[in-house]
């Protein structure tokens, strides 16, 4: 069994005051896979899972910020028509 403890910088106690830690259960086969991968990269399974979870959170935050920026750009009228996008895409494929 692996325990994941969120970093204080990632989870504000004001937002999720009840979140003290998180328990994640894996099957024995999954634990064996994690142990094999962790060993091959010179770490332990808990650190491997924690790093993967933190990368997921960071990627999700970047994605959500990009979506919000796209919505803001569209709200400001900063977008191109479908025909222009098709032309740009075709040009990229030819390059």
Protein backbone atom coordinates (compact mmCIF):
# COMPACT_ATOMS: atom_id res chain seq x y z
CA UNK A 1 0.00 0.00 0.00
CA UNK A 2 1.32 3.46 -0.91
CA UNK A 3 0.47 6.71 0.85
CA UNK A 4 0.43 9.96 -1.08
CA UNK A 5 0.68 13.12 0.96
CA UNK A 6 -0.10 16.26 -1.03
CA UNK A 7 2.34 19.12 -0.82
CA UNK A 8 1.09 22.18 1.06
CA UNK A 9 1.88 24.26 -2.02
CA UNK A 10 -0.45 22.13 -4.14
CA UNK A 11 -3.41 21.80 -1.82
CA UNK A 12 -4.52 24.74 0.25
CA UNK A 13 -5.96 23.77 3.62
CA UNK A 14 -8.60 26.45 3.03
CA UNK A 15 -9.78 24.64 -0.11
CA UNK A 16 -9.49 21.06 1.14
CA UNK A 17 -9.07 21.22 4.93
CA UNK A 18 -10.13 17.60 5.34
CA UNK A 19 -7.40 16.20 3.08
CA UNK A 20 -4.60 15.00 5.34
CA UNK A 21 -3.31 12.17 3.14
CA UNK A 22 -4.45 9.81 0.49
CA UNK A 23 -4.34 6.04 0.39
CA UNK A 24 -4.02 4.38 -3.00
CA UNK A 25 -4.46 0.64 -3.43
CA UNK A 26 -2.81 -1.37 -6.20
CA UNK A 27 -3.11 -5.01 -7.11
CA UNK A 28 -0.09 -7.17 -6.37
CA UNK A 29 0.68 -7.21 -10.10
CA UNK A 30 0.55 -3.42 -10.27
CA UNK A 31 2.77 -3.13 -7.21
CA UNK A 32 5.26 -5.49 -8.86
CA UNK A 33 5.23 -3.35 -12.01
CA UNK A 34 5.75 -0.18 -9.97
CA UNK A 35 8.61 -1.79 -8.04
CA UNK A 36 10.27 -2.90 -11.30
CA UNK A 37 9.98 0.56 -12.87
CA UNK A 38 11.12 2.29 -9.68
CA UNK A 39 14.13 0.01 -9.40
CA UNK A 40 15.08 0.64 -13.04
CA UNK A 41 15.14 4.41 -12.46
CA UNK A 42 16.76 4.24 -9.04
CA UNK A 43 13.90 5.26 -6.80
CA UNK A 44 11.28 3.61 -4.65
CA UNK A 45 7.69 2.87 -5.70
CA UNK A 46 6.18 5.50 -3.39
CA UNK A 47 8.37 8.26 -4.84
CA UNK A 48 7.61 7.05 -8.38
CA UNK A 49 3.85 7.22 -7.81
CA UNK A 50 4.07 10.57 -6.03
CA UNK A 51 6.12 12.08 -8.86
CA UNK A 52 3.65 10.75 -11.44
CA UNK A 53 0.67 12.14 -9.53
CA UNK A 54 2.33 15.55 -9.14
CA UNK A 55 3.13 15.65 -12.88
CA UNK A 56 -0.52 14.85 -13.59
CA UNK A 57 -1.63 17.75 -11.39
CA UNK A 58 0.84 20.13 -13.05
CA UNK A 59 -0.19 19.03 -16.55
CA UNK A 60 -3.85 19.42 -15.65
CA UNK A 61 -3.25 22.92 -14.29
CA UNK A 62 -1.39 23.93 -17.48
CA UNK A 63 -4.15 22.47 -19.65
CA UNK A 64 -6.90 24.27 -17.74
CA UNK A 65 -4.98 27.56 -17.92
CA UNK A 66 -4.53 27.14 -21.69
CA UNK A 67 -8.24 26.44 -22.14
CA UNK A 68 -9.13 29.54 -20.12
CA UNK A 69 -6.72 31.62 -22.20
CA UNK A 70 -8.30 30.26 -25.39
CA UNK A 71 -11.76 31.17 -24.13
CA UNK A 72 -10.55 34.66 -23.22
CA UNK A 73 -9.02 35.08 -26.68
CA UNK A 74 -12.25 33.97 -28.34
CA UNK A 75 -14.22 36.36 -26.13
CA UNK A 76 -11.94 39.16 -27.37
CA UNK A 77 -12.55 38.09 -30.98
CA UNK A 78 -9.01 36.77 -31.39
CA UNK A 79 -9.66 33.67 -33.45
CA UNK A 80 -9.45 32.54 -37.06
CA UNK A 81 -12.12 31.09 -39.28
CA UNK A 82 -12.25 27.38 -40.10
CA UNK A 83 -11.02 27.90 -43.67
CA UNK A 84 -7.92 29.71 -42.41
CA UNK A 85 -7.23 26.94 -39.91
CA UNK A 86 -7.60 24.31 -42.63
CA UNK A 87 -5.13 26.20 -44.81
CA UNK A 88 -2.62 26.48 -41.96
CA UNK A 89 -2.98 22.80 -41.18
CA UNK A 90 -2.46 21.82 -44.82
CA UNK A 91 0.65 24.00 -44.94
CA UNK A 92 2.01 22.30 -41.83
CA UNK A 93 1.48 18.89 -43.42
CA UNK A 94 3.37 19.94 -46.55
CA UNK A 95 6.35 21.25 -44.58
